[in-house]
Amino acid sequence: MTGDGRATNSLVTGAGIGFPANPTVGDYFLRLDYLPNRLFRYSGTHWARVEDAVRTNITPGAANNQTQRFSYVNNTNTYTNHEGQTMTELQPLSRALTPSADNNES
């Protein structure tokens, strides 16, 4: 979790949802349409992935920790099932996956 979406040595990068039309070898570009944002470097023939911007800020608080991992672990959303019961979206695997023997003979 060390990716910050910045190029090496703080080189200038472009950012957007599509690669630039005329890149130069060694150019960096941050794709904003990836989640998390993804940094690429142009090799002369193709754009190679360098890293994903997944670093979590060290400042505490939900407003500063906007990562997929944070939103999954701290999911407090609820839903109402077809029977009208309100349940939390975050469920332990033991409730989501119930193992059963594959050799049941009925």
PDB file of N, CA and C in Angstrom:
ATOM      1  N   MET A   1       0.830  -1.191   0.000  1.00  0.00           N
ATOM      2  CA  MET A   1       0.000   0.000   0.000  1.00  0.00           C
ATOM      3  C   MET A   1       0.869   1.247   0.000  1.00  0.00           C
ATOM      4  N   THR A   2       1.863   1.262  -0.869  1.00  0.00           N
ATOM      5  CA  THR A   2       2.763   2.412  -0.897  1.00  0.00           C
ATOM      6  C   THR A   2       2.552   3.287  -2.119  1.00  0.00           C
ATOM      7  N   GLY A   3       1.689   2.916  -3.037  1.00  0.00           N
ATOM      8  CA  GLY A   3       1.486   3.711  -4.240  1.00  0.00           C
ATOM      9  C   GLY A   3       0.784   5.015  -3.943  1.00  0.00           C
ATOM     10  N   ASP A   4       1.336   6.109  -4.464  1.00  0.00           N
ATOM     11  CA  ASP A   4       0.714   7.408  -4.251  1.00  0.00           C
ATOM     12  C   ASP A   4       0.280   8.063  -5.557  1.00  0.00           C
ATOM     13  N   GLY A   5       0.500   7.386  -6.698  1.00  0.00           N
ATOM     14  CA  GLY A   5       0.085   7.924  -7.972  1.00  0.00           C
ATOM     15  C   GLY A   5       0.982   9.030  -8.491  1.00  0.00           C
ATOM     16  N   ARG A   6       2.177   9.156  -7.926  1.00  0.00           N
ATOM     17  CA  ARG A   6       3.113  10.192  -8.359  1.00  0.00           C
ATOM     18  C   ARG A   6       4.301   9.550  -9.053  1.00  0.00           C
ATOM     19  N   ALA A   7       4.818  10.241 -10.054  1.00  0.00           N
ATOM     20  CA  ALA A   7       5.963   9.736 -10.798  1.00  0.00           C
ATOM     21  C   ALA A   7       7.234   9.832  -9.962  1.00  0.00           C
ATOM     22  N   THR A   8       8.234   9.042 -10.350  1.00  0.00           N
ATOM     23  CA  THR A   8       9.523   9.033  -9.680  1.00  0.00           C
ATOM     24  C   THR A   8      10.141  10.426  -9.663  1.00  0.00           C
ATOM     25  N   ASN A   9      10.762  10.790  -8.561  1.00  0.00           N
ATOM     26  CA  ASN A   9      11.437  12.081  -8.408  1.00  0.00           C
ATOM     27  C   ASN A   9      10.530  13.267  -8.693  1.00  0.00           C
ATOM     28  N   SER A  10       9.249  13.107  -8.460  1.00  0.00           N
ATOM     29  CA  SER A  10       8.257  14.171  -8.649  1.00  0.00           C
ATOM     30  C   SER A  10       8.244  14.744 -10.056  1.00  0.00           C
ATOM     31  N   LEU A  11       8.483  13.879 -11.067  1.00  0.00           N
ATOM     32  CA  LEU A  11       8.406  14.327 -12.456  1.00  0.00           C
ATOM     33  C   LEU A  11       6.976  14.734 -12.778  1.00  0.00           C
ATOM     34  N   VAL A  12       6.822  15.672 -13.682  1.00  0.00           N
ATOM     35  CA  VAL A  12       5.506  16.152 -14.074  1.00  0.00           C
ATOM     36  C   VAL A  12       4.775  15.050 -14.833  1.00  0.00           C
ATOM     37  N   THR A  13       3.515  14.850 -14.500  1.00  0.00           N
ATOM     38  CA  THR A  13       2.697  13.848 -15.183  1.00  0.00           C
ATOM     39  C   THR A  13       1.438  14.501 -15.705  1.00  0.00           C
ATOM     40  N   GLY A  14       0.880  13.892 -16.717  1.00  0.00           N
ATOM     41  CA  GLY A  14      -0.446  14.284 -17.156  1.00  0.00           C
ATOM     42  C   GLY A  14      -1.455  13.425 -16.432  1.00  0.00           C
ATOM     43  N   ALA A  15      -2.704  13.785 -16.522  1.00  0.00           N
ATOM     44  CA  ALA A  15      -3.757  12.995 -15.891  1.00  0.00           C
ATOM     45  C   ALA A  15      -5.016  13.113 -16.725  1.00  0.00           C
ATOM     46  N   GLY A  16      -5.774  12.042 -16.766  1.00  0.00           N
ATOM     47  CA  GLY A  16      -7.028  12.059 -17.509  1.00  0.00           C
ATOM     48  C   GLY A  16      -7.603  10.678 -17.669  1.00  0.00           C
ATOM     49  N   ILE A  17      -8.611  10.569 -18.555  1.00  0.00           N
ATOM     50  CA  ILE A  17      -9.287   9.287 -18.752  1.00  0.00           C
ATOM     51  C   ILE A  17      -8.873   8.609 -20.053  1.00  0.00           C
ATOM     52  N   GLY A  18      -7.907   9.181 -20.756  1.00  0.00           N
ATOM     53  CA  GLY A  18      -7.370   8.582 -21.975  1.00  0.00           C
ATOM     54  C   GLY A  18      -5.924   9.011 -22.150  1.00  0.00           C
ATOM     55  N   PHE A  19      -5.104   8.127 -22.708  1.00  0.00           N
ATOM     56  CA  PHE A  19      -3.691   8.439 -22.882  1.00  0.00           C
ATOM     57  C   PHE A  19      -3.512   9.566 -23.896  1.00  0.00           C
ATOM     58  N   PRO A  20      -2.453  10.367 -23.749  1.00  0.00           N
ATOM     59  CA  PRO A  20      -2.194  11.433 -24.714  1.00  0.00           C
ATOM     60  C   PRO A  20      -1.843  10.865 -26.093  1.00  0.00           C
ATOM     61  N   ALA A  21      -2.121  11.647 -27.133  1.00  0.00           N
ATOM     62  CA  ALA A  21      -1.940  11.183 -28.505  1.00  0.00           C
ATOM     63  C   ALA A  21      -0.471  11.074 -28.920  1.00  0.00           C
ATOM     64  N   ASN A  22       0.387  11.958 -28.468  1.00  0.00           N
ATOM     65  CA  ASN A  22       1.789  11.974 -28.900  1.00  0.00           C
ATOM     66  C   ASN A  22       2.743  11.943 -27.707  1.00  0.00           C
ATOM     67  N   PRO A  23       2.834  10.815 -27.011  1.00  0.00           N
ATOM     68  CA  PRO A  23       3.717  10.753 -25.847  1.00  0.00           C
ATOM     69  C   PRO A  23       5.184  10.634 -26.255  1.00  0.00           C
ATOM     70  N   THR A  24       6.053  11.015 -25.332  1.00  0.00           N
ATOM     71  CA  THR A  24       7.489  10.872 -25.488  1.00  0.00           C
ATOM     72  C   THR A  24       7.948   9.728 -24.597  1.00  0.00           C
ATOM     73  N   VAL A  25       8.979   9.007 -25.006  1.00  0.00           N
ATOM     74  CA  VAL A  25       9.504   7.904 -24.197  1.00  0.00           C
ATOM     75  C   VAL A  25       9.833   8.427 -22.801  1.00  0.00           C
ATOM     76  N   GLY A  26       9.336   7.732 -21.789  1.00  0.00           N
ATOM     77  CA  GLY A  26       9.591   8.115 -20.402  1.00  0.00           C
ATOM     78  C   GLY A  26       8.506   8.972 -19.782  1.00  0.00           C
ATOM     79  N   ASP A  27       7.508   9.397 -20.584  1.00  0.00           N
ATOM     80  CA  ASP A  27       6.409  10.186 -20.036  1.00  0.00           C
ATOM     81  C   ASP A  27       5.590   9.352 -19.062  1.00  0.00           C
ATOM     82  N   TYR A  28       5.122  10.000 -18.007  1.00  0.00           N
ATOM     83  CA  TYR A  28       4.218   9.382 -17.043  1.00  0.00           C
ATOM     84  C   TYR A  28       2.821   9.928 -17.278  1.00  0.00           C
ATOM     85  N   PHE A  29       1.812   9.096 -17.011  1.00  0.00           N
ATOM     86  CA  PHE A  29       0.429   9.534 -17.144  1.00  0.00           C
ATOM     87  C   PHE A  29      -0.420   8.823 -16.106  1.00  0.00           C
ATOM     88  N   LEU A  30      -1.210   9.595 -15.371  1.00  0.00           N
ATOM     89  CA  LEU A  30      -2.085   9.050 -14.327  1.00  0.00           C
ATOM     90  C   LEU A  30      -3.486   8.896 -14.894  1.00  0.00           C
ATOM     91  N   ARG A  31      -3.960   7.650 -14.971  1.00  0.00           N
ATOM     92  CA  ARG A  31      -5.312   7.385 -15.477  1.00  0.00           C
ATOM     93  C   ARG A  31      -6.303   7.514 -14.332  1.00  0.00           C
ATOM     94  N   LEU A  32      -7.240   8.441 -14.494  1.00  0.00           N
ATOM     95  CA  LEU A  32      -8.230   8.718 -13.464  1.00  0.00           C
ATOM     96  C   LEU A  32      -9.472   7.849 -13.601  1.00  0.00           C
ATOM     97  N   ASP A  33      -9.584   7.097 -14.703  1.00  0.00           N
ATOM     98  CA  ASP A  33     -10.741   6.234 -14.885  1.00  0.00           C
ATOM     99  C   ASP A  33     -10.535   4.848 -14.291  1.00  0.00           C
ATOM    100  N   TYR A  34      -9.403   4.610 -13.691  1.00  0.00           N
ATOM    101  CA  TYR A  34      -9.144   3.368 -12.952  1.00  0.00           C
ATOM    102  C   TYR A  34      -9.422   3.629 -11.482  1.00  0.00           C
ATOM    103  N   LEU A  35      -9.886   2.631 -10.772  1.00  0.00           N
ATOM    104  CA  LEU A  35     -10.105   2.763  -9.338  1.00  0.00           C
ATOM    105  C   LEU A  35      -9.362   1.640  -8.646  1.00  0.00           C
ATOM    106  N   PRO A  36      -8.306   1.898  -7.921  1.00  0.00           N
ATOM    107  CA  PRO A  36      -7.725   3.219  -7.677  1.00  0.00           C
ATOM    108  C   PRO A  36      -7.034   3.750  -8.933  1.00  0.00           C
ATOM    109  N   ASN A  37      -6.741   5.060  -8.925  1.00  0.00           N
ATOM    110  CA  ASN A  37      -6.057   5.668 -10.058  1.00  0.00           C
ATOM    111  C   ASN A  37      -4.765   4.918 -10.337  1.00  0.00           C
ATOM    112  N   ARG A  38      -4.395   4.818 -11.622  1.00  0.00           N
ATOM    113  CA  ARG A  38      -3.239   4.009 -12.013  1.00  0.00           C
ATOM    114  C   ARG A  38      -2.234   4.871 -12.789  1.00  0.00           C
ATOM    115  N   LEU A  39      -0.975   4.781 -12.373  1.00  0.00           N
ATOM    116  CA  LEU A  39       0.103   5.526 -13.014  1.00  0.00           C
ATOM    117  C   LEU A  39       0.779   4.643 -14.052  1.00  0.00           C
ATOM    118  N   PHE A  40       0.969   5.182 -15.274  1.00  0.00           N
ATOM    119  CA  PHE A  40       1.618   4.476 -16.373  1.00  0.00           C
ATOM    120  C   PHE A  40       2.847   5.259 -16.834  1.00  0.00           C
ATOM    121  N   ARG A  41       3.774   4.561 -17.490  1.00  0.00           N
ATOM    122  CA  ARG A  41       4.975   5.174 -18.087  1.00  0.00           C
ATOM    123  C   ARG A  41       5.069   4.683 -19.522  1.00  0.00           C
ATOM    124  N   TYR A  42       5.333   5.623 -20.442  1.00  0.00           N
ATOM    125  CA  TYR A  42       5.401   5.270 -21.850  1.00  0.00           C
ATOM    126  C   TYR A  42       6.786   4.732 -22.187  1.00  0.00           C
ATOM    127  N   SER A  43       6.847   3.539 -22.790  1.00  0.00           N
ATOM    128  CA  SER A  43       8.121   2.874 -23.079  1.00  0.00           C
ATOM    129  C   SER A  43       8.619   3.133 -24.494  1.00  0.00           C
ATOM    130  N   GLY A  44       7.817   3.783 -25.293  1.00  0.00           N
ATOM    131  CA  GLY A  44       8.161   3.978 -26.693  1.00  0.00           C
ATOM    132  C   GLY A  44       7.255   3.180 -27.599  1.00  0.00           C
ATOM    133  N   THR A  45       6.723   2.073 -27.080  1.00  0.00           N
ATOM    134  CA  THR A  45       5.787   1.254 -27.863  1.00  0.00           C
ATOM    135  C   THR A  45       4.445   1.068 -27.151  1.00  0.00           C
ATOM    136  N   HIS A  46       4.442   1.132 -25.824  1.00  0.00           N
ATOM    137  CA  HIS A  46       3.202   0.938 -25.081  1.00  0.00           C
ATOM    138  C   HIS A  46       3.284   1.636 -23.726  1.00  0.00           C
ATOM    139  N   TRP A  47       2.125   1.763 -23.098  1.00  0.00           N
ATOM    140  CA  TRP A  47       2.043   2.321 -21.747  1.00  0.00           C
ATOM    141  C   TRP A  47       2.137   1.174 -20.746  1.00  0.00           C
ATOM    142  N   ALA A  48       3.126   1.218 -19.867  1.00  0.00           N
ATOM    143  CA  ALA A  48       3.335   0.171 -18.861  1.00  0.00           C
ATOM    144  C   ALA A  48       2.873   0.672 -17.498  1.00  0.00           C
ATOM    145  N   ARG A  49       2.164  -0.187 -16.789  1.00  0.00           N
ATOM    146  CA  ARG A  49       1.691   0.181 -15.445  1.00  0.00           C
ATOM    147  C   ARG A  49       2.882   0.313 -14.506  1.00  0.00           C
ATOM    148  N   VAL A  50       2.903   1.398 -13.751  1.00  0.00           N
ATOM    149  CA  VAL A  50       3.963   1.630 -12.769  1.00  0.00           C
ATOM    150  C   VAL A  50       3.442   1.310 -11.375  1.00  0.00           C
ATOM    151  N   GLU A  51       2.307   1.878 -11.022  1.00  0.00           N
ATOM    152  CA  GLU A  51       1.735   1.635  -9.700  1.00  0.00           C
ATOM    153  C   GLU A  51       0.295   2.098  -9.657  1.00  0.00           C
ATOM    154  N   ASP A  52      -0.396   1.690  -8.610  1.00  0.00           N
ATOM    155  CA  ASP A  52      -1.747   2.152  -8.349  1.00  0.00           C
ATOM    156  C   ASP A  52      -1.705   3.110  -7.167  1.00  0.00           C
ATOM    157  N   ALA A  53      -2.521   4.140  -7.231  1.00  0.00           N
ATOM    158  CA  ALA A  53      -2.571   5.128  -6.149  1.00  0.00           C
ATOM    159  C   ALA A  53      -3.463   4.579  -5.042  1.00  0.00           C
ATOM    160  N   VAL A  54      -2.869   3.826  -4.123  1.00  0.00           N
ATOM    161  CA  VAL A  54      -3.639   3.175  -3.066  1.00  0.00           C
ATOM    162  C   VAL A  54      -3.212   3.592  -1.666  1.00  0.00           C
ATOM    163  N   ARG A  55      -2.319   4.544  -1.569  1.00  0.00           N
ATOM    164  CA  ARG A  55      -1.839   4.969  -0.255  1.00  0.00           C
ATOM    165  C   ARG A  55      -2.970   5.647   0.514  1.00  0.00           C
ATOM    166  N   THR A  56      -3.145   5.269   1.757  1.00  0.00           N
ATOM    167  CA  THR A  56      -4.135   5.877   2.625  1.00  0.00           C
ATOM    168  C   THR A  56      -3.486   7.013   3.387  1.00  0.00           C
ATOM    169  N   ASN A  57      -4.198   8.135   3.471  1.00  0.00           N
ATOM    170  CA  ASN A  57      -3.674   9.259   4.241  1.00  0.00           C
ATOM    171  C   ASN A  57      -3.537   8.862   5.704  1.00  0.00           C
ATOM    172  N   ILE A  58      -2.565   9.459   6.390  1.00  0.00           N
ATOM    173  CA  ILE A  58      -2.387   9.135   7.802  1.00  0.00           C
ATOM    174  C   ILE A  58      -3.270   9.998   8.692  1.00  0.00           C
ATOM    175  N   THR A  59      -3.963  10.969   8.093  1.00  0.00           N
ATOM    176  CA  THR A  59      -4.882  11.794   8.854  1.00  0.00           C
ATOM    177  C   THR A  59      -6.122  10.969   9.176  1.00  0.00           C
ATOM    178  N   PRO A  60      -6.487  10.845  10.452  1.00  0.00           N
ATOM    179  CA  PRO A  60      -7.650  10.026  10.785  1.00  0.00           C
ATOM    180  C   PRO A  60      -8.944  10.668  10.295  1.00  0.00           C
ATOM    181  N   GLY A  61      -9.937   9.838  10.072  1.00  0.00           N
ATOM    182  CA  GLY A  61     -11.250  10.319   9.672  1.00  0.00           C
ATOM    183  C   GLY A  61     -11.675   9.755   8.336  1.00  0.00           C
ATOM    184  N   ALA A  62     -12.970   9.516   8.210  1.00  0.00           N
ATOM    185  CA  ALA A  62     -13.504   8.901   7.000  1.00  0.00           C
ATOM    186  C   ALA A  62     -13.284   9.754   5.765  1.00  0.00           C
ATOM    187  N   ALA A  63     -13.281  11.076   5.906  1.00  0.00           N
ATOM    188  CA  ALA A  63     -13.112  11.956   4.746  1.00  0.00           C
ATOM    189  C   ALA A  63     -11.718  11.840   4.148  1.00  0.00           C
ATOM    190  N   ASN A  64     -10.750  11.366   4.911  1.00  0.00           N
ATOM    191  CA  ASN A  64      -9.374  11.288   4.441  1.00  0.00           C
ATOM    192  C   ASN A  64      -8.950   9.894   4.017  1.00  0.00           C
ATOM    193  N   ASN A  65      -9.789   8.913   4.180  1.00  0.00           N
ATOM    194  CA  ASN A  65      -9.442   7.529   3.869  1.00  0.00           C
ATOM    195  C   ASN A  65     -10.386   6.967   2.826  1.00  0.00           C
ATOM    196  N   GLN A  66     -10.318   7.475   1.617  1.00  0.00           N
ATOM    197  CA  GLN A  66     -11.237   7.068   0.564  1.00  0.00           C
ATOM    198  C   GLN A  66     -10.611   6.003  -0.325  1.00  0.00           C
ATOM    199  N   THR A  67     -10.449   4.803   0.189  1.00  0.00           N
ATOM    200  CA  THR A  67      -9.936   3.688  -0.595  1.00  0.00           C
ATOM    201  C   THR A  67     -10.982   2.587  -0.607  1.00  0.00           C
ATOM    202  N   GLN A  68     -10.853   1.648  -1.541  1.00  0.00           N
ATOM    203  CA  GLN A  68     -11.801   0.536  -1.583  1.00  0.00           C
ATOM    204  C   GLN A  68     -11.714  -0.299  -0.320  1.00  0.00           C
ATOM    205  N   ARG A  69     -10.504  -0.503   0.172  1.00  0.00           N
ATOM    206  CA  ARG A  69     -10.338  -1.298   1.389  1.00  0.00           C
ATOM    207  C   ARG A  69     -11.039  -0.629   2.559  1.00  0.00           C
ATOM    208  N   PHE A  70     -10.866   0.687   2.700  1.00  0.00           N
ATOM    209  CA  PHE A  70     -11.492   1.411   3.805  1.00  0.00           C
ATOM    210  C   PHE A  70     -13.009   1.312   3.719  1.00  0.00           C
ATOM    211  N   SER A  71     -13.555   1.502   2.503  1.00  0.00           N
ATOM    212  CA  SER A  71     -15.009   1.484   2.370  1.00  0.00           C
ATOM    213  C   SER A  71     -15.574   0.077   2.591  1.00  0.00           C
ATOM    214  N   TYR A  72     -14.791  -0.969   2.329  1.00  0.00           N
ATOM    215  CA  TYR A  72     -15.259  -2.328   2.578  1.00  0.00           C
ATOM    216  C   TYR A  72     -15.214  -2.652   4.072  1.00  0.00           C
ATOM    217  N   VAL A  73     -14.100  -2.390   4.701  1.00  0.00           N
ATOM    218  CA  VAL A  73     -13.927  -2.733   6.106  1.00  0.00           C
ATOM    219  C   VAL A  73     -14.870  -1.932   6.994  1.00  0.00           C
ATOM    220  N   ASN A  74     -15.127  -0.694   6.639  1.00  0.00           N
ATOM    221  CA  ASN A  74     -15.958   0.182   7.459  1.00  0.00           C
ATOM    222  C   ASN A  74     -17.353   0.375   6.859  1.00  0.00           C
ATOM    223  N   ASN A  75     -17.857  -0.617   6.175  1.00  0.00           N
ATOM    224  CA  ASN A  75     -19.164  -0.533   5.542  1.00  0.00           C
ATOM    225  C   ASN A  75     -20.259  -0.581   6.599  1.00  0.00           C
ATOM    226  N   THR A  76     -21.024   0.514   6.708  1.00  0.00           N
ATOM    227  CA  THR A  76     -22.133   0.563   7.667  1.00  0.00           C
ATOM    228  C   THR A  76     -23.475   0.641   6.953  1.00  0.00           C
ATOM    229  N   ASN A  77     -23.495   0.424   5.631  1.00  0.00           N
ATOM    230  CA  ASN A  77     -24.746   0.490   4.864  1.00  0.00           C
ATOM    231  C   ASN A  77     -25.656  -0.678   5.223  1.00  0.00           C
ATOM    232  N   THR A  78     -26.950  -0.445   5.056  1.00  0.00           N
ATOM    233  CA  THR A  78     -27.937  -1.497   5.298  1.00  0.00           C
ATOM    234  C   THR A  78     -28.789  -1.683   4.049  1.00  0.00           C
ATOM    235  N   TYR A  79     -29.487  -2.785   3.985  1.00  0.00           N
ATOM    236  CA  TYR A  79     -30.431  -3.058   2.906  1.00  0.00           C
ATOM    237  C   TYR A  79     -31.634  -3.773   3.492  1.00  0.00           C
ATOM    238  N   THR A  80     -32.727  -3.748   2.751  1.00  0.00           N
ATOM    239  CA  THR A  80     -33.947  -4.431   3.170  1.00  0.00           C
ATOM    240  C   THR A  80     -34.199  -5.576   2.196  1.00  0.00           C
ATOM    241  N   ASN A  81     -34.284  -6.789   2.724  1.00  0.00           N
ATOM    242  CA  ASN A  81     -34.496  -7.956   1.856  1.00  0.00           C
ATOM    243  C   ASN A  81     -35.966  -8.077   1.474  1.00  0.00           C
ATOM    244  N   HIS A  82     -36.287  -9.088   0.674  1.00  0.00           N
ATOM    245  CA  HIS A  82     -37.649  -9.272   0.165  1.00  0.00           C
ATOM    246  C   HIS A  82     -38.666  -9.590   1.260  1.00  0.00           C
ATOM    247  N   GLU A  83     -38.185  -9.981   2.436  1.00  0.00           N
ATOM    248  CA  GLU A  83     -39.083 -10.260   3.562  1.00  0.00           C
ATOM    249  C   GLU A  83     -39.290  -9.046   4.452  1.00  0.00           C
ATOM    250  N   GLY A  84     -38.640  -7.913   4.089  1.00  0.00           N
ATOM    251  CA  GLY A  84     -38.796  -6.691   4.863  1.00  0.00           C
ATOM    252  C   GLY A  84     -37.827  -6.544   6.015  1.00  0.00           C
ATOM    253  N   GLN A  85     -36.870  -7.459   6.130  1.00  0.00           N
ATOM    254  CA  GLN A  85     -35.883  -7.387   7.200  1.00  0.00           C
ATOM    255  C   GLN A  85     -34.741  -6.465   6.789  1.00  0.00           C
ATOM    256  N   THR A  86     -34.333  -5.576   7.690  1.00  0.00           N
ATOM    257  CA  THR A  86     -33.203  -4.691   7.427  1.00  0.00           C
ATOM    258  C   THR A  86     -31.948  -5.362   7.954  1.00  0.00           C
ATOM    259  N   MET A  87     -30.935  -5.467   7.086  1.00  0.00           N
ATOM    260  CA  MET A  87     -29.684  -6.135   7.450  1.00  0.00           C
ATOM    261  C   MET A  87     -28.506  -5.270   7.026  1.00  0.00           C
ATOM    262  N   THR A  88     -27.353  -5.498   7.627  1.00  0.00           N
ATOM    263  CA  THR A  88     -26.157  -4.765   7.228  1.00  0.00           C
ATOM    264  C   THR A  88     -25.567  -5.399   5.976  1.00  0.00           C
ATOM    265  N   GLU A  89     -24.963  -4.555   5.113  1.00  0.00           N
ATOM    266  CA  GLU A  89     -24.326  -5.068   3.899  1.00  0.00           C
ATOM    267  C   GLU A  89     -23.086  -5.877   4.230  1.00  0.00           C
ATOM    268  N   LEU A  90     -22.337  -5.461   5.216  1.00  0.00           N
ATOM    269  CA  LEU A  90     -21.118  -6.167   5.592  1.00  0.00           C
ATOM    270  C   LEU A  90     -21.495  -7.431   6.353  1.00  0.00           C
ATOM    271  N   GLN A  91     -21.140  -8.568   5.795  1.00  0.00           N
ATOM    272  CA  GLN A  91     -21.476  -9.854   6.393  1.00  0.00           C
ATOM    273  C   GLN A  91     -20.206 -10.685   6.535  1.00  0.00           C
ATOM    274  N   PRO A  92     -20.075 -11.450   7.608  1.00  0.00           N
ATOM    275  CA  PRO A  92     -18.929 -12.350   7.705  1.00  0.00           C
ATOM    276  C   PRO A  92     -19.075 -13.478   6.678  1.00  0.00           C
ATOM    277  N   LEU A  93     -17.975 -14.006   6.219  1.00  0.00           N
ATOM    278  CA  LEU A  93     -18.019 -15.090   5.241  1.00  0.00           C
ATOM    279  C   LEU A  93     -18.791 -16.297   5.751  1.00  0.00           C
ATOM    280  N   SER A  94     -18.764 -16.518   7.055  1.00  0.00           N
ATOM    281  CA  SER A  94     -19.479 -17.665   7.605  1.00  0.00           C
ATOM    282  C   SER A  94     -20.983 -17.545   7.375  1.00  0.00           C
ATOM    283  N   ARG A  95     -21.500 -16.323   7.206  1.00  0.00           N
ATOM    284  CA  ARG A  95     -22.919 -16.145   6.919  1.00  0.00           C
ATOM    285  C   ARG A  95     -23.188 -16.129   5.427  1.00  0.00           C
ATOM    286  N   ALA A  96     -22.201 -15.680   4.640  1.00  0.00           N
ATOM    287  CA  ALA A  96     -22.400 -15.584   3.192  1.00  0.00           C
ATOM    288  C   ALA A  96     -22.206 -16.934   2.507  1.00  0.00           C
ATOM    289  N   LEU A  97     -21.290 -17.723   3.017  1.00  0.00           N
ATOM    290  CA  LEU A  97     -20.968 -19.015   2.409  1.00  0.00           C
ATOM    291  C   LEU A  97     -21.240 -20.130   3.402  1.00  0.00           C
ATOM    292  N   THR A  98     -22.198 -20.943   3.094  1.00  0.00           N
ATOM    293  CA  THR A  98     -22.506 -22.069   3.964  1.00  0.00           C
ATOM    294  C   THR A  98     -21.987 -23.331   3.289  1.00  0.00           C
ATOM    295  N   PRO A  99     -20.985 -23.971   3.881  1.00  0.00           N
ATOM    296  CA  PRO A  99     -20.437 -25.166   3.249  1.00  0.00           C
ATOM    297  C   PRO A  99     -21.431 -26.327   3.322  1.00  0.00           C
ATOM    298  N   SER A 100     -21.402 -27.157   2.295  1.00  0.00           N
ATOM    299  CA  SER A 100     -22.223 -28.367   2.303  1.00  0.00           C
ATOM    300  C   SER A 100     -21.427 -29.478   1.620  1.00  0.00           C
ATOM    301  N   ALA A 101     -21.684 -30.668   2.026  1.00  0.00           N
ATOM    302  CA  ALA A 101     -20.996 -31.809   1.450  1.00  0.00           C
ATOM    303  C   ALA A 101     -21.424 -32.007   0.023  1.00  0.00           C
ATOM    304  N   ASP A 102     -20.492 -32.383  -0.846  1.00  0.00           N
ATOM    305  CA  ASP A 102     -20.849 -32.604  -2.249  1.00  0.00           C
ATOM    306  C   ASP A 102     -21.229 -34.056  -2.515  1.00  0.00           C
ATOM    307  N   ASN A 103     -21.250 -34.870  -1.493  1.00  0.00           N
ATOM    308  CA  ASN A 103     -21.609 -36.272  -1.678  1.00  0.00           C
ATOM    309  C   ASN A 103     -22.944 -36.604  -1.027  1.00  0.00           C
ATOM    310  N   ASN A 104     -23.852 -35.610  -0.962  1.00  0.00           N
ATOM    311  CA  ASN A 104     -25.178 -35.849  -0.370  1.00  0.00           C
ATOM    312  C   ASN A 104     -25.949 -36.822  -1.253  1.00  0.00           C
ATOM    313  N   GLU A 105     -26.492 -37.805  -0.622  1.00  0.00           N
ATOM    314  CA  GLU A 105     -27.336 -38.762  -1.355  1.00  0.00           C
ATOM    315  C   GLU A 105     -28.743 -38.620  -0.824  1.00  0.00           C
ATOM    316  N   SER A 106     -29.632 -38.184  -1.689  1.00  0.00           N
ATOM    317  CA  SER A 106     -31.005 -37.957  -1.269  1.00  0.00           C
ATOM    318  C   SER A 106     -31.932 -38.930  -1.910  1.00  0.00           C
TER     319      SER A 106
END
